[in-house]
Amino acid sequence: WVPQNNKERPFSWPRGGGGGGEGEGVVLCAKNCSLDEVGMSQPGANAVVNAFSFWACAACLAGGYVSDARLGKLMTIMYASLLYVIGLTVLTASAMSPKGSSLRYMLFPSLFLIGCSTGGIKANVLPLFASQLPPEHLDSSSFRWFYWSINLGALIGQLVTPLLHAPNNNTAYYYSFGLPAVCACLSLLLIYSGRSRLTDRPPTGSLLHECYKTVVHAIRERWASSRAGSEQLSQDLLSYAITSAEHHETARDLRQTIRACYVFLFFPVYWFAYSQTHTNYVPQARNLARPDWMPPEWLNMLNALTLTVMIPVCEGTLFPLLTRHNKMPTNLMRIIIGYVIQATAIGCAMLLQTAIDNRGFYNSKGEYYLPAGREKVSVWWQVPQFTLGALSEIFASASGLEYAFSEAPVRMKAIVMSLYLMTSAGGSLLGMGFSPFMRPDRMRVVYSYLCLAMFGTAAAFLYVFQYRIAVEAETAAYQETQREREVELQTLTTTDGDDSEQLVSAHVPYLGDSHEDA
């Protein structure tokens, strides 16, 4: 696990890791299929999508454990890809069955299989990629382009798969599911044919299992202390394992990692707000004026498009420019900026929903009707909320993971990624819990409260971590001062003449005769 910045994606950028670009479009089409073909309500379809997202993140823990303790990363990816092909094939077959057939409900087992395969791929594709490069090439540029390629695949998936089921023939979902099945089969064949060229470390045991044993040991020791009548029980659970020779190192590193990952406590709310892009924004598009060729989920490709365009712009132009002028926000401040941008995106969705509600009305079944003489709002008004949501991911998701990576011990990078993925799973659980309240006629109120919740999350984050923000800012300023001094000294030491040594000494303060004094 290497420091870098991942929607279902990991790194020092936003959330994912690589389950395949076509899979992005499959989830969107599966939501509409559950509405059109299975006959589910909007809250029910939202619950299905959130349950899938939760399971895909939770399965990453199992995927990481299997690769570390049993199969290795390459074999785990190959078996997960095979499961991916099976799940997409079942999904395609369910869409080909007659409407009203019980086979339509194979949609749900197929999503379960796809979630399992996503966990096996997502947890291992990034470390496998890192193992192909020599250590001197493992820089942010390598992972930036790796993540960029994932978003390019997601862009193609979200652009193509929704167009395969024509808007005037929504029963053709098997085209939207069949193409990803073919792509997954081709990718499996490519991985299998090139397996001899890939470097993979053999399984050496799971760090997750080691951490689990350490926590269990700490719980037992604390319970024994309480049974023995100890008057002073430590509030730090892991302190009971640090005294053990067997668990000392793991307990110490795990405690440092957990403290570094405190910033993740606020991320479930963020992911809940972010998940509106593939849950409630799609039904909202159904009530907007769209071109005949555009399916309602098509504008979701703006998310991947924005990331594909803005990651090179931010990493290559914006961030270096801010750094040169000493205006680059620290990681924690970038998280707050991301939260505010996401709150603004939800605010745009609320304003658009208000315009929709003012022009029409909903019946008891949640169906939208437009009175005669009125026109629907244009679907292009959804562009700001998708674009701002993607921008927030670059700031919030990337910076949170980067901060935790920089503060945690090197051997605990996998634990950092596991905790990070669980924040996404927590956001999906929030989505499942609030799904019954997300009826079409209530969405304006839902967006209002969610917008306030995101602004409140940003304010709470600033209040809780104000000390860390100050320390991080001071550290960044000190490092910048040191870099400037190094440049100045390099310039002075190249000065021609016999007095260059005296010139340097005049600019360097006396730091003492020993390293300790310095």
Protein backbone atom coordinates (compact mmCIF):
# COMPACT_ATOMS: atom_id res chain seq x y z
CA TRP A 1 0.00 0.00 0.00
CA VAL A 2 1.59 3.21 -1.18
CA PRO A 3 0.70 6.81 -0.23
CA GLN A 4 -1.45 8.31 -2.89
CA ASN A 5 -4.91 10.03 -3.22
CA ASN A 6 -9.94 7.23 -4.45
CA LYS A 7 -15.98 6.73 -5.48
CA GLU A 8 -15.21 3.44 -5.17
CA ARG A 9 -11.48 4.09 -5.73
CA PRO A 10 -8.40 4.17 -3.06
CA PHE A 11 -5.29 6.57 -2.89
CA SER A 12 -3.76 9.97 -2.27
CA TRP A 13 -6.47 10.98 -4.64
CA PRO A 14 -10.12 9.91 -4.54
CA ARG A 15 -11.98 6.58 -3.57
CA GLY A 16 -11.76 3.35 -5.67
CA GLY A 17 -8.91 1.26 -6.73
CA GLY A 18 -10.00 -0.37 -9.85
CA GLY A 19 -13.02 -2.54 -10.17
CA GLY A 20 -13.30 -1.75 -13.86
CA GLY A 21 -14.74 1.22 -15.67
CA GLU A 22 -17.66 -0.63 -17.22
CA GLY A 23 -18.83 -1.59 -13.72
CA GLU A 24 -19.58 2.07 -13.03
CA GLY A 25 -22.21 2.07 -15.76
CA VAL A 26 -23.58 -1.32 -14.67
CA VAL A 27 -24.56 0.00 -11.23
CA LEU A 28 -26.36 2.98 -12.76
CA CYS A 29 -28.25 0.79 -15.23
CA ALA A 30 -29.07 -1.72 -12.48
CA LYS A 31 -30.83 1.05 -10.53
CA ASN A 32 -33.02 1.98 -13.49
CA CYS A 33 -33.61 -1.70 -14.24
CA SER A 34 -34.89 -2.22 -10.70
CA LEU A 35 -37.29 0.70 -11.26
CA ASP A 36 -38.45 -0.21 -14.78
CA GLU A 37 -38.34 -4.00 -14.83
CA VAL A 38 -38.56 -5.24 -11.25
CA GLY A 39 -41.09 -2.52 -10.33
CA MET A 40 -39.34 -1.23 -7.22
CA SER A 41 -40.01 2.20 -5.74
CA GLN A 42 -37.37 4.91 -5.68
CA PRO A 43 -36.55 4.34 -1.97
CA GLY A 44 -36.24 0.60 -2.64
CA ALA A 45 -33.95 1.13 -5.62
CA ASN A 46 -31.81 3.50 -3.56
CA ALA A 47 -31.53 0.86 -0.85
CA VAL A 48 -30.34 -1.69 -3.44
CA VAL A 49 -27.63 0.64 -4.76
CA ASN A 50 -26.46 1.56 -1.24
CA ALA A 51 -26.45 -2.10 -0.19
CA PHE A 52 -24.31 -2.93 -3.21
CA SER A 53 -21.86 -0.14 -2.39
CA PHE A 54 -21.65 -1.29 1.22
CA TRP A 55 -21.02 -4.89 0.25
CA ALA A 56 -18.39 -3.94 -2.34
CA CYS A 57 -16.43 -2.00 0.32
CA ALA A 58 -16.86 -4.67 3.00
CA ALA A 59 -15.71 -7.37 0.55
CA CYS A 60 -12.42 -5.49 0.15
CA LEU A 61 -11.45 -6.62 3.65
CA ALA A 62 -12.01 -10.24 2.68
CA GLY A 63 -10.16 -9.69 -0.60
CA GLY A 64 -7.16 -8.24 1.20
CA TYR A 65 -7.11 -11.08 3.74
CA VAL A 66 -7.32 -13.82 1.09
CA SER A 67 -4.49 -12.31 -0.94
CA ASP A 68 -2.21 -11.73 2.06
CA ALA A 69 -2.82 -15.06 3.80
CA ARG A 70 -3.72 -17.53 1.05
CA LEU A 71 -3.50 -16.80 -2.68
CA GLY A 72 -1.38 -13.75 -3.34
CA LYS A 73 -2.58 -10.65 -5.13
CA LEU A 74 -2.42 -11.90 -8.73
CA MET A 75 -4.34 -15.13 -8.12
CA THR A 76 -6.92 -13.29 -6.00
CA ILE A 77 -7.50 -10.82 -8.84
CA MET A 78 -7.85 -13.66 -11.35
CA TYR A 79 -10.40 -15.56 -9.24
CA ALA A 80 -12.28 -12.32 -8.52
CA SER A 81 -12.34 -11.51 -12.25
CA LEU A 82 -13.83 -14.94 -12.94
CA LEU A 83 -16.50 -14.23 -10.33
CA TYR A 84 -17.05 -10.84 -12.02
CA VAL A 85 -17.72 -12.58 -15.35
CA ILE A 86 -20.17 -14.99 -13.70
CA GLY A 87 -22.03 -12.17 -11.93
CA LEU A 88 -22.35 -10.05 -15.07
CA THR A 89 -23.49 -13.09 -17.07
CA VAL A 90 -26.22 -13.82 -14.52
CA LEU A 91 -27.20 -10.14 -14.56
CA THR A 92 -27.47 -10.20 -18.36
CA ALA A 93 -29.57 -13.39 -18.28
CA SER A 94 -31.94 -11.87 -15.71
CA ALA A 95 -32.46 -8.83 -17.96
CA MET A 96 -33.23 -11.09 -20.95
CA SER A 97 -36.01 -12.97 -19.12
CA PRO A 98 -39.64 -11.98 -19.82
CA LYS A 99 -41.05 -9.12 -17.80
CA GLY A 100 -42.76 -10.42 -14.68
CA SER A 101 -40.67 -13.58 -14.67
CA SER A 102 -39.12 -14.68 -11.39
CA LEU A 103 -35.75 -14.68 -13.16
CA ARG A 104 -35.91 -10.89 -13.03
CA TYR A 105 -35.09 -11.16 -9.35
CA MET A 106 -31.72 -12.73 -10.22
CA LEU A 107 -30.69 -9.07 -10.41
CA PHE A 108 -30.01 -9.15 -6.68
CA PRO A 109 -27.83 -12.32 -6.45
CA SER A 110 -25.87 -11.10 -9.46
CA LEU A 111 -25.14 -7.78 -7.73
CA PHE A 112 -23.98 -9.77 -4.71
CA LEU A 113 -21.50 -11.70 -6.87
CA ILE A 114 -20.30 -8.50 -8.56
CA GLY A 115 -19.78 -6.93 -5.13
CA CYS A 116 -17.68 -9.93 -4.04
CA SER A 117 -15.54 -9.67 -7.16
CA THR A 118 -15.17 -5.91 -6.73
CA GLY A 119 -13.73 -6.48 -3.27
CA GLY A 120 -11.19 -8.97 -4.56
CA ILE A 121 -10.06 -6.68 -7.37
CA LYS A 122 -10.16 -3.33 -5.62
CA ALA A 123 -8.17 -4.47 -2.61
CA ASN A 124 -5.31 -5.89 -4.67
CA VAL A 125 -4.95 -4.16 -8.02
CA LEU A 126 -3.16 -1.12 -6.59
CA PRO A 127 -0.56 -3.08 -4.57
CA LEU A 128 -0.02 -5.37 -7.56
CA PHE A 129 0.57 -2.33 -9.76
CA ALA A 130 3.04 -0.93 -7.22
CA SER A 131 4.99 -4.19 -7.13
CA GLN A 132 5.66 -3.96 -10.90
CA LEU A 133 7.69 -0.76 -10.50
CA PRO A 134 11.14 -0.29 -8.98
CA PRO A 135 11.12 1.71 -5.72
CA GLU A 136 12.63 4.80 -7.36
CA HIS A 137 9.63 5.00 -9.72
CA LEU A 138 7.00 4.77 -6.99
CA ASP A 139 6.18 8.46 -6.95
CA SER A 140 2.94 10.41 -7.00
CA SER A 141 3.11 10.74 -10.79
CA SER A 142 2.86 6.97 -11.29
CA PHE A 143 -0.24 6.68 -9.14
CA ARG A 144 -1.73 9.82 -10.56
CA TRP A 145 -1.79 8.29 -14.03
CA PHE A 146 -2.91 4.95 -12.64
CA TYR A 147 -5.89 6.64 -11.05
CA TRP A 148 -6.45 8.70 -14.19
CA SER A 149 -6.73 5.49 -16.24
CA ILE A 150 -9.34 4.14 -13.82
CA ASN A 151 -11.44 7.26 -14.26
CA LEU A 152 -11.03 7.01 -18.01
CA GLY A 153 -12.49 3.51 -17.85
CA ALA A 154 -15.29 4.75 -15.60
CA LEU A 155 -15.98 7.56 -18.08
CA ILE A 156 -16.29 5.10 -20.97
CA GLY A 157 -18.52 2.82 -18.89
CA GLN A 158 -20.85 5.61 -17.81
CA LEU A 159 -20.89 7.06 -21.32
CA VAL A 160 -21.59 3.89 -23.29
CA THR A 161 -23.60 1.46 -21.17
CA PRO A 162 -26.59 3.77 -20.52
CA LEU A 163 -26.88 4.48 -24.26
CA LEU A 164 -27.21 0.78 -25.07
CA HIS A 165 -30.73 0.61 -23.70
CA ALA A 166 -32.60 3.10 -25.88
CA PRO A 167 -34.85 5.57 -24.02
CA ASN A 168 -37.85 4.36 -26.02
CA ASN A 169 -37.07 0.73 -25.24
CA ASN A 170 -36.05 0.41 -21.62
CA THR A 171 -36.47 -3.37 -21.78
CA ALA A 172 -33.08 -3.65 -23.56
CA TYR A 173 -31.02 -3.59 -20.38
CA TYR A 174 -29.35 -6.84 -21.37
CA TYR A 175 -27.29 -4.84 -23.88
CA SER A 176 -26.07 -2.57 -21.08
CA PHE A 177 -25.13 -5.60 -18.97
CA GLY A 178 -23.84 -7.81 -21.78
CA LEU A 179 -21.08 -5.46 -22.98
CA PRO A 180 -19.43 -5.23 -19.52
CA ALA A 181 -19.65 -9.03 -19.30
CA VAL A 182 -17.68 -9.29 -22.56
CA CYS A 183 -15.16 -6.68 -21.36
CA ALA A 184 -14.69 -8.50 -18.05
CA CYS A 185 -14.11 -11.77 -19.92
CA LEU A 186 -11.50 -10.12 -22.17
CA SER A 187 -9.73 -8.58 -19.18
CA LEU A 188 -9.58 -11.98 -17.47
CA LEU A 189 -8.03 -13.51 -20.60
CA LEU A 190 -5.47 -10.68 -20.78
CA ILE A 191 -4.49 -11.12 -17.13
CA TYR A 192 -4.22 -14.89 -17.55
CA SER A 193 -2.11 -14.67 -20.70
CA GLY A 194 0.28 -12.13 -19.13
CA ARG A 195 0.51 -13.66 -15.66
CA SER A 196 4.10 -14.86 -16.22
CA ARG A 197 5.24 -11.27 -16.82
CA LEU A 198 3.78 -9.92 -13.57
CA THR A 199 5.71 -9.80 -10.32
CA ASP A 200 3.74 -10.91 -7.28
CA ARG A 201 4.96 -11.37 -3.73
CA PRO A 202 3.96 -14.69 -2.14
CA PRO A 203 1.41 -14.54 0.73
CA THR A 204 3.15 -13.95 4.05
CA GLY A 205 0.21 -13.73 6.42
CA SER A 206 -2.49 -11.12 6.97
CA LEU A 207 -1.74 -7.97 8.93
CA LEU A 208 -5.48 -7.65 9.54
CA HIS A 209 -5.45 -11.01 11.31
CA GLU A 210 -2.44 -9.94 13.36
CA CYS A 211 -4.23 -6.74 14.41
CA TYR A 212 -7.32 -8.78 15.26
CA LYS A 213 -5.31 -11.03 17.60
CA THR A 214 -3.74 -7.98 19.22
CA VAL A 215 -7.12 -6.36 19.91
CA VAL A 216 -8.53 -9.62 21.29
CA HIS A 217 -5.52 -9.95 23.59
CA ALA A 218 -6.02 -6.37 24.82
CA ILE A 219 -9.72 -7.04 25.53
CA ARG A 220 -8.86 -10.17 27.51
CA GLU A 221 -6.23 -8.35 29.55
CA ARG A 222 -8.58 -5.49 30.32
CA TRP A 223 -11.30 -7.94 31.36
CA ALA A 224 -8.83 -9.76 33.59
CA SER A 225 -7.81 -6.47 35.21
CA SER A 226 -11.40 -5.53 35.91
CA ARG A 227 -12.12 -8.99 37.38
CA ALA A 228 -9.05 -8.67 39.59
CA GLY A 229 -10.46 -5.45 41.05
CA SER A 230 -7.94 -3.05 39.59
CA GLU A 231 -8.78 0.47 40.75
CA GLN A 232 -7.34 2.27 37.73
CA LEU A 233 -8.33 0.95 34.32
CA SER A 234 -6.66 2.58 31.34
CA GLN A 235 -9.02 4.18 28.86
CA ASP A 236 -6.63 3.18 26.07
CA LEU A 237 -7.53 -0.41 25.23
CA LEU A 238 -4.35 -1.11 23.25
CA SER A 239 -2.18 -0.18 26.24
CA TYR A 240 -3.01 -3.62 27.66
CA ALA A 241 -1.38 -5.25 24.63
CA ILE A 242 1.70 -3.02 24.50
CA THR A 243 3.08 -4.70 27.63
CA SER A 244 3.03 -8.05 25.84
CA ALA A 245 6.26 -9.01 24.06
CA GLU A 246 4.29 -10.78 21.33
CA HIS A 247 1.88 -7.93 20.59
CA HIS A 248 3.98 -4.91 21.58
CA GLU A 249 4.98 -3.71 18.10
CA THR A 250 1.58 -4.31 16.51
CA ALA A 251 -0.26 -2.61 19.38
CA ARG A 252 2.04 0.42 19.25
CA ASP A 253 1.71 0.82 15.48
CA LEU A 254 -2.04 0.18 15.53
CA ARG A 255 -2.56 2.87 18.19
CA GLN A 256 -0.60 5.38 16.10
CA THR A 257 -2.59 4.39 13.00
CA ILE A 258 -5.95 4.82 14.71
CA ARG A 259 -4.96 8.26 15.94
CA ALA A 260 -3.92 9.18 12.40
CA CYS A 261 -7.27 7.94 11.07
CA TYR A 262 -9.42 10.04 13.41
CA VAL A 263 -10.00 12.29 10.39
CA PHE A 264 -12.04 9.44 8.87
CA LEU A 265 -14.77 9.81 11.51
CA PHE A 266 -16.48 12.54 9.48
CA PHE A 267 -16.23 10.81 6.11
CA PRO A 268 -19.40 8.64 6.30
CA VAL A 269 -21.50 11.83 6.15
CA TYR A 270 -19.47 12.99 3.17
CA TRP A 271 -19.87 9.68 1.32
CA PHE A 272 -23.59 9.70 2.07
CA ALA A 273 -23.86 13.09 0.39
CA TYR A 274 -21.59 12.00 -2.44
CA SER A 275 -23.70 8.86 -3.08
CA GLN A 276 -26.56 11.06 -4.30
CA THR A 277 -24.79 11.12 -7.68
CA HIS A 278 -25.73 7.49 -8.36
CA THR A 279 -28.92 7.29 -6.29
CA ASN A 280 -31.27 10.29 -6.21
CA TYR A 281 -29.75 12.34 -9.03
CA VAL A 282 -30.86 9.64 -11.49
CA PRO A 283 -34.60 9.79 -10.60
CA GLN A 284 -34.30 13.57 -10.58
CA ALA A 285 -33.13 13.44 -14.19
CA ARG A 286 -36.26 11.46 -15.09
CA ASN A 287 -38.33 14.54 -14.27
CA LEU A 288 -36.22 16.90 -16.38
CA ALA A 289 -36.38 17.76 -20.07
CA ARG A 290 -33.83 15.55 -21.87
CA PRO A 291 -32.95 14.96 -25.52
CA ASP A 292 -34.57 11.83 -26.94
CA TRP A 293 -31.26 10.00 -27.11
CA MET A 294 -30.25 10.68 -23.48
CA PRO A 295 -31.10 8.14 -20.76
CA PRO A 296 -31.60 9.61 -17.26
CA GLU A 297 -28.36 8.16 -15.84
CA TRP A 298 -26.16 9.43 -18.67
CA LEU A 299 -25.04 12.66 -16.99
CA ASN A 300 -23.30 10.61 -14.29
CA MET A 301 -20.40 10.40 -16.71
CA LEU A 302 -19.70 14.06 -15.79
CA ASN A 303 -18.31 12.76 -12.51
CA ALA A 304 -15.63 10.66 -14.20
CA LEU A 305 -15.11 13.29 -16.90
CA THR A 306 -14.43 15.99 -14.31
CA LEU A 307 -11.96 13.76 -12.48
CA THR A 308 -10.26 12.74 -15.73
CA VAL A 309 -9.76 16.39 -16.70
CA MET A 310 -9.18 18.03 -13.32
CA ILE A 311 -6.67 15.59 -11.78
CA PRO A 312 -3.98 16.48 -14.37
CA VAL A 313 -4.94 20.16 -14.08
CA CYS A 314 -4.73 20.18 -10.26
CA GLU A 315 -1.60 18.06 -9.98
CA GLY A 316 0.20 19.65 -12.91
CA THR A 317 -0.85 23.31 -12.71
CA LEU A 318 -3.00 24.41 -9.76
CA PHE A 319 -1.23 22.72 -6.84
CA PRO A 320 2.33 23.54 -8.04
CA LEU A 321 1.27 27.16 -8.60
CA LEU A 322 -0.15 27.43 -5.08
CA THR A 323 2.95 25.76 -3.66
CA ARG A 324 5.30 28.21 -5.36
CA HIS A 325 3.38 31.14 -3.86
CA ASN A 326 3.13 29.47 -0.42
CA LYS A 327 -0.68 29.35 -0.71
CA MET A 328 -1.13 25.58 -0.87
CA PRO A 329 -3.70 24.49 1.75
CA THR A 330 -2.64 21.71 4.10
CA ASN A 331 -4.27 18.28 3.91
CA LEU A 332 -6.74 19.00 6.71
CA MET A 333 -7.74 22.33 5.20
CA ARG A 334 -8.25 20.65 1.82
CA ILE A 335 -10.65 18.21 3.51
CA ILE A 336 -12.71 21.16 4.78
CA ILE A 337 -12.66 22.71 1.31
CA GLY A 338 -13.91 19.42 -0.13
CA TYR A 339 -16.74 19.28 2.41
CA VAL A 340 -17.81 22.83 1.55
CA ILE A 341 -17.73 22.07 -2.19
CA GLN A 342 -19.88 18.96 -1.63
CA ALA A 343 -22.34 20.99 0.46
CA THR A 344 -22.55 23.48 -2.42
CA ALA A 345 -23.23 20.63 -4.85
CA ILE A 346 -26.11 19.41 -2.69
CA GLY A 347 -27.36 23.00 -2.50
CA CYS A 348 -27.45 23.12 -6.32
CA ALA A 349 -29.47 19.87 -6.32
CA MET A 350 -31.88 21.40 -3.79
CA LEU A 351 -32.43 24.50 -5.94
CA LEU A 352 -33.02 22.35 -9.01
CA GLN A 353 -35.47 20.14 -7.10
CA THR A 354 -37.31 23.26 -5.97
CA ALA A 355 -37.73 24.34 -9.59
CA ILE A 356 -39.01 20.86 -10.49
CA ASP A 357 -41.55 20.84 -7.65
CA ASN A 358 -42.79 24.34 -8.49
CA ARG A 359 -43.58 23.37 -12.10
CA GLY A 360 -45.35 20.08 -11.44
CA PHE A 361 -46.73 17.76 -8.76
CA TYR A 362 -46.50 14.14 -7.58
CA ASN A 363 -49.32 11.64 -7.20
CA SER A 364 -49.64 9.14 -4.35
CA LYS A 365 -47.32 6.71 -6.15
CA GLY A 366 -44.56 9.28 -6.49
CA GLU A 367 -45.11 9.79 -10.22
CA TYR A 368 -44.39 13.29 -11.52
CA TYR A 369 -46.98 15.16 -13.58
CA LEU A 370 -46.63 18.47 -15.41
CA PRO A 371 -49.72 20.68 -15.86
CA ALA A 372 -50.66 21.62 -19.39
CA GLY A 373 -48.80 24.63 -20.73
CA ARG A 374 -45.73 24.18 -18.56
CA GLU A 375 -42.34 22.92 -19.65
CA LYS A 376 -39.91 20.79 -17.73
CA VAL A 377 -36.64 22.18 -16.44
CA SER A 378 -33.65 21.35 -18.64
CA VAL A 379 -31.52 18.38 -17.58
CA TRP A 380 -28.39 20.46 -18.18
CA TRP A 381 -29.03 22.22 -14.88
CA GLN A 382 -27.70 19.03 -13.28
CA VAL A 383 -24.20 19.80 -14.58
CA PRO A 384 -23.14 21.96 -11.56
CA GLN A 385 -24.04 19.35 -8.94
CA PHE A 386 -22.17 16.56 -10.74
CA THR A 387 -19.12 18.71 -11.45
CA LEU A 388 -18.86 20.14 -7.94
CA GLY A 389 -19.31 16.68 -6.44
CA ALA A 390 -16.35 15.36 -8.43
CA LEU A 391 -14.20 18.35 -7.44
CA SER A 392 -14.99 17.74 -3.79
CA GLU A 393 -13.62 14.20 -4.15
CA ILE A 394 -10.26 15.52 -5.34
CA PHE A 395 -9.98 17.69 -2.23
CA ALA A 396 -11.70 15.75 0.57
CA SER A 397 -11.14 12.10 -0.27
CA ALA A 398 -7.59 12.50 -1.56
CA SER A 399 -6.39 14.70 1.28
CA GLY A 400 -7.89 12.59 4.07
CA LEU A 401 -6.21 9.46 2.82
CA GLU A 402 -2.93 11.27 2.19
CA TYR A 403 -2.92 12.70 5.72
CA ALA A 404 -3.56 9.30 7.31
CA PHE A 405 -0.87 7.68 5.15
CA SER A 406 1.68 10.31 6.16
CA GLU A 407 0.95 9.94 9.89
CA ALA A 408 0.63 6.13 10.11
CA PRO A 409 3.57 3.68 10.32
CA VAL A 410 4.77 2.22 7.03
CA ARG A 411 3.66 -1.34 7.81
CA MET A 412 0.13 -0.14 8.60
CA LYS A 413 -0.77 1.24 5.15
CA ALA A 414 -3.15 -1.68 4.54
CA ILE A 415 -4.96 -0.95 7.81
CA VAL A 416 -5.29 2.71 6.78
CA MET A 417 -6.87 1.61 3.50
CA SER A 418 -9.21 -0.78 5.33
CA LEU A 419 -10.40 1.94 7.70
CA TYR A 420 -10.80 4.29 4.75
CA LEU A 421 -12.96 1.81 2.84
CA MET A 422 -15.11 1.30 5.93
CA THR A 423 -15.96 5.02 5.89
CA SER A 424 -17.44 4.50 2.43
CA ALA A 425 -19.33 1.48 3.76
CA GLY A 426 -20.59 3.68 6.60
CA GLY A 427 -21.89 6.21 4.08
CA SER A 428 -23.74 3.41 2.30
CA LEU A 429 -25.28 2.30 5.59
CA LEU A 430 -26.51 5.85 6.14
CA GLY A 431 -28.01 5.76 2.66
CA MET A 432 -29.79 2.48 3.42
CA GLY A 433 -31.11 3.85 6.70
CA PHE A 434 -32.51 7.03 5.15
CA SER A 435 -33.82 5.40 1.96
CA PRO A 436 -37.43 5.11 3.23
CA PHE A 437 -37.54 8.90 3.65
CA MET A 438 -36.22 9.65 0.16
CA ARG A 439 -39.50 9.68 -1.70
CA PRO A 440 -39.68 11.90 -4.82
CA ASP A 441 -42.06 14.40 -3.21
CA ARG A 442 -39.71 14.83 -0.22
CA MET A 443 -36.41 15.28 -2.00
CA ARG A 444 -36.34 19.07 -1.64
CA VAL A 445 -36.46 18.70 2.14
CA VAL A 446 -33.91 15.86 2.03
CA TYR A 447 -31.46 17.95 0.01
CA SER A 448 -31.98 20.91 2.37
CA TYR A 449 -31.12 18.89 5.46
CA LEU A 450 -28.24 17.14 3.70
CA CYS A 451 -26.78 20.48 2.61
CA LEU A 452 -26.95 21.77 6.18
CA ALA A 453 -25.43 18.49 7.42
CA MET A 454 -22.43 18.90 5.11
CA PHE A 455 -21.82 22.50 6.16
CA GLY A 456 -22.18 21.37 9.78
CA THR A 457 -19.71 18.54 9.17
CA ALA A 458 -17.17 21.01 7.77
CA ALA A 459 -17.61 23.28 10.81
CA ALA A 460 -17.37 20.36 13.26
CA PHE A 461 -14.23 19.07 11.52
CA LEU A 462 -12.63 22.52 11.82
CA TYR A 463 -13.51 22.70 15.51
CA VAL A 464 -12.31 19.19 16.40
CA PHE A 465 -9.05 19.33 14.48
CA GLN A 466 -8.18 23.00 14.90
CA TYR A 467 -5.03 22.13 16.88
CA ARG A 468 -3.87 19.62 14.26
CA ILE A 469 -4.59 22.14 11.51
CA ALA A 470 -2.42 24.74 13.28
CA VAL A 471 0.40 22.24 13.79
CA GLU A 472 0.21 21.09 10.18
CA ALA A 473 0.34 24.69 8.96
CA GLU A 474 3.36 25.47 11.15
CA THR A 475 5.11 22.31 9.96
CA ALA A 476 4.47 23.20 6.32
CA ALA A 477 5.80 26.74 6.90
CA TYR A 478 8.93 25.37 8.60
CA GLN A 479 9.58 22.92 5.77
CA GLU A 480 9.19 25.69 3.22
CA THR A 481 11.66 27.85 5.17
CA GLN A 482 14.14 24.97 5.23
CA ARG A 483 13.81 24.47 1.48
CA GLU A 484 14.42 28.15 0.85
CA ARG A 485 17.50 28.07 3.11
CA GLU A 486 18.87 25.03 1.29
CA VAL A 487 18.48 26.81 -2.04
CA GLU A 488 20.20 29.90 -0.64
CA LEU A 489 23.10 27.84 0.74
CA GLN A 490 23.54 26.03 -2.55
CA THR A 491 23.75 29.41 -4.27
CA LEU A 492 26.26 30.74 -1.75
CA THR A 493 28.52 27.68 -1.87
CA THR A 494 28.90 28.09 -5.62
CA THR A 495 30.15 31.67 -5.23
CA ASP A 496 33.58 32.16 -6.79
CA GLY A 497 36.40 33.58 -4.68
CA ASP A 498 38.32 32.80 -1.52
CA ASP A 499 35.75 34.43 0.71
CA SER A 500 32.93 32.01 -0.18
CA GLU A 501 33.40 30.05 3.05
CA GLN A 502 33.18 33.21 5.15
CA LEU A 503 30.12 34.28 3.14
CA VAL A 504 28.35 31.01 3.88
CA SER A 505 29.23 31.07 7.56
CA ALA A 506 27.83 34.57 7.82
CA HIS A 507 24.42 33.28 6.66
CA VAL A 508 24.35 30.08 8.74
CA PRO A 509 23.54 30.48 12.46
CA TYR A 510 25.68 28.64 15.01
CA LEU A 511 23.82 25.45 15.97
CA GLY A 512 26.23 24.00 18.51
CA ASP A 513 29.11 21.58 18.47
CA SER A 514 27.04 18.39 18.50
CA HIS A 515 24.05 16.90 16.72
CA GLU A 516 22.09 16.99 19.95
CA ASP A 517 22.73 20.74 20.33
CA ALA A 518 21.55 21.30 16.78
